Amino acid sequence: MAERLSMPELNQVILAGRLTADPDHVVLPSGQERVRLRIACNRHYRNRDGEMQVEDGFFTVIAWNRLASLCNEYLHKGKPVLVEGRLYQGRWVNGEGEPRDSTDVVARRVHFLGRPLEESDSGGFARVETEAQEA
């Protein structure tokens, strides 16, 4: 009998960018908190003619419970963040009966980047690491 080769499966995303809007925070009927973050990530590269180009990417990040609460409290439009998470493919039917798809990032950790508010003498960047518990 031939051995079956097993391929490892991995679903991991790391994004760094800036929020394009304030967090969209809701408390669901179940009591769970959810926040949606829209993040812009730019890719800079040279084209065949040697000219610098910018490719814009916009991503939706979902955070749950305590992580959602912290993101809602400390983040706002324009803030830089680094997100670690996994891809999630959502499928639903809209109000007109049409099927819809989306691919979002479900955050496991969010690093809040930027200058500290109170520690102006540090000269560095503040990094608040928060970790999600699966919803």
Protein backbone atom coordinates (compact mmCIF):
# COMPACT_ATOMS: atom_id res chain seq x y z
CA MET A 1 0.00 0.00 0.00
CA ALA A 2 1.40 3.39 -0.97
CA GLU A 3 1.95 5.89 1.78
CA ARG A 4 -0.14 8.98 1.58
CA LEU A 5 1.86 12.18 1.68
CA SER A 6 0.48 14.81 3.97
CA MET A 7 0.86 18.45 3.07
CA PRO A 8 0.88 20.91 5.96
CA GLU A 9 -1.94 23.44 5.98
CA LEU A 10 -1.30 27.03 6.93
CA ASN A 11 -3.61 30.02 7.05
CA GLN A 12 -1.65 32.97 8.40
CA VAL A 13 -1.62 36.64 7.43
CA ILE A 14 0.54 39.53 8.58
CA LEU A 15 -0.46 43.05 7.50
CA ALA A 16 1.00 46.43 8.37
CA GLY A 17 -0.75 49.61 7.38
CA ARG A 18 -2.95 52.47 8.50
CA LEU A 19 -6.63 52.55 9.40
CA THR A 20 -8.73 54.20 6.69
CA ALA A 21 -11.63 54.84 9.08
CA ASP A 22 -12.48 54.70 12.76
CA PRO A 23 -13.20 51.18 14.06
CA ASP A 24 -16.74 49.89 13.46
CA HIS A 25 -17.63 48.43 16.89
CA VAL A 26 -20.78 46.45 17.74
CA VAL A 27 -21.99 44.34 20.63
CA LEU A 28 -23.91 41.37 19.25
CA PRO A 29 -27.11 40.00 20.86
CA SER A 30 -24.96 37.13 22.21
CA GLY A 31 -22.91 39.68 24.17
CA GLN A 32 -19.80 39.20 22.04
CA GLU A 33 -17.98 42.32 20.87
CA ARG A 34 -16.85 42.67 17.27
CA VAL A 35 -14.86 45.40 15.58
CA ARG A 36 -14.18 45.85 11.86
CA LEU A 37 -11.04 47.68 10.88
CA ARG A 38 -10.28 48.85 7.33
CA ILE A 39 -6.53 48.91 6.69
CA ALA A 40 -4.63 50.36 3.73
CA CYS A 41 -1.36 48.63 2.86
CA ASN A 42 0.76 50.04 0.06
CA ARG A 43 3.29 48.16 -2.05
CA HIS A 44 6.08 50.21 -3.64
CA TYR A 45 7.94 48.79 -6.63
CA ARG A 46 9.70 49.79 -9.84
CA ASN A 47 8.07 49.03 -13.17
CA ARG A 48 9.96 47.82 -16.25
CA ASP A 49 10.91 51.42 -17.10
CA GLY A 50 12.43 51.93 -13.64
CA GLU A 51 9.69 54.28 -12.46
CA MET A 52 8.42 53.97 -8.89
CA GLN A 53 4.87 52.67 -8.66
CA VAL A 54 2.47 52.30 -5.75
CA GLU A 55 -0.11 49.55 -5.53
CA ASP A 56 -2.83 50.20 -2.94
CA GLY A 57 -4.40 47.33 -1.04
CA PHE A 58 -7.39 47.66 1.28
CA PHE A 59 -8.27 44.93 3.75
CA THR A 60 -11.02 44.33 6.29
CA VAL A 61 -9.87 43.01 9.66
CA ILE A 62 -12.28 41.52 12.20
CA ALA A 63 -11.42 41.35 15.91
CA TRP A 64 -13.53 39.77 18.64
CA ASN A 65 -14.27 40.26 22.34
CA ARG A 66 -11.45 41.80 24.46
CA LEU A 67 -9.31 42.48 21.38
CA ALA A 68 -12.28 44.24 19.75
CA SER A 69 -12.80 46.36 22.85
CA LEU A 70 -9.13 47.43 22.98
CA CYS A 71 -9.05 48.24 19.25
CA ASN A 72 -12.19 50.33 19.61
CA GLU A 73 -10.76 52.19 22.61
CA TYR A 74 -7.27 52.98 21.30
CA LEU A 75 -7.43 53.02 17.50
CA HIS A 76 -8.77 55.67 15.14
CA LYS A 77 -8.49 56.68 11.51
CA GLY A 78 -4.88 57.10 10.37
CA LYS A 79 -3.28 55.03 13.16
CA PRO A 80 -0.61 52.54 12.05
CA VAL A 81 -1.13 48.91 13.05
CA LEU A 82 0.39 45.51 12.46
CA VAL A 83 -2.14 42.67 12.38
CA GLU A 84 -1.48 38.94 12.69
CA GLY A 85 -4.37 36.66 11.87
CA ARG A 86 -5.98 34.26 9.44
CA LEU A 87 -8.06 34.56 6.29
CA TYR A 88 -11.79 33.93 6.55
CA GLN A 89 -14.07 33.50 3.54
CA GLY A 90 -17.61 34.61 4.29
CA ARG A 91 -20.62 33.74 2.13
CA TRP A 92 -24.13 35.06 2.56
CA VAL A 93 -27.25 36.09 0.65
CA ASN A 94 -28.10 39.79 0.61
CA GLY A 95 -31.59 41.25 1.04
CA GLU A 96 -32.27 40.92 -2.69
CA GLY A 97 -31.48 37.20 -2.71
CA GLU A 98 -28.10 37.58 -4.40
CA PRO A 99 -25.14 35.54 -3.13
CA ARG A 100 -22.20 37.55 -1.81
CA ASP A 101 -18.64 36.62 -0.86
CA SER A 102 -15.96 38.37 1.15
CA THR A 103 -12.47 37.56 2.29
CA ASP A 104 -11.53 39.12 5.62
CA VAL A 105 -8.68 38.79 8.09
CA VAL A 106 -9.66 37.53 11.54
CA ALA A 107 -7.17 39.11 13.93
CA ARG A 108 -5.26 37.00 16.44
CA ARG A 109 -2.95 39.84 17.50
CA VAL A 110 -2.99 43.57 16.84
CA HIS A 111 0.10 45.65 17.47
CA PHE A 112 -0.73 49.32 17.99
CA LEU A 113 2.09 51.29 16.39
CA GLY A 114 2.90 54.97 16.77
CA ARG A 115 4.34 57.39 19.25
CA PRO A 116 3.35 56.89 22.88
CA LEU A 117 0.90 59.48 24.19
CA GLU A 118 2.44 59.94 27.63
CA GLU A 119 6.05 58.90 27.03
CA SER A 120 7.26 61.62 24.65
CA ASP A 121 10.86 61.24 25.88
CA SER A 122 11.14 57.63 24.70
CA GLY A 123 11.60 58.65 21.06
CA GLY A 124 10.42 55.21 19.95
CA PHE A 125 7.18 53.65 18.93
CA ALA A 126 4.56 52.34 21.28
CA ARG A 127 3.60 48.76 20.72
CA VAL A 128 0.59 47.44 22.54
CA GLU A 129 0.16 43.79 21.76
CA THR A 130 -3.25 42.32 22.26
CA GLU A 131 -4.19 38.74 21.55
CA ALA A 132 -7.59 37.41 20.60
CA GLN A 133 -9.41 34.49 22.05
CA GLU A 134 -11.27 32.59 19.37
CA ALA A 135 -14.93 33.55 19.07
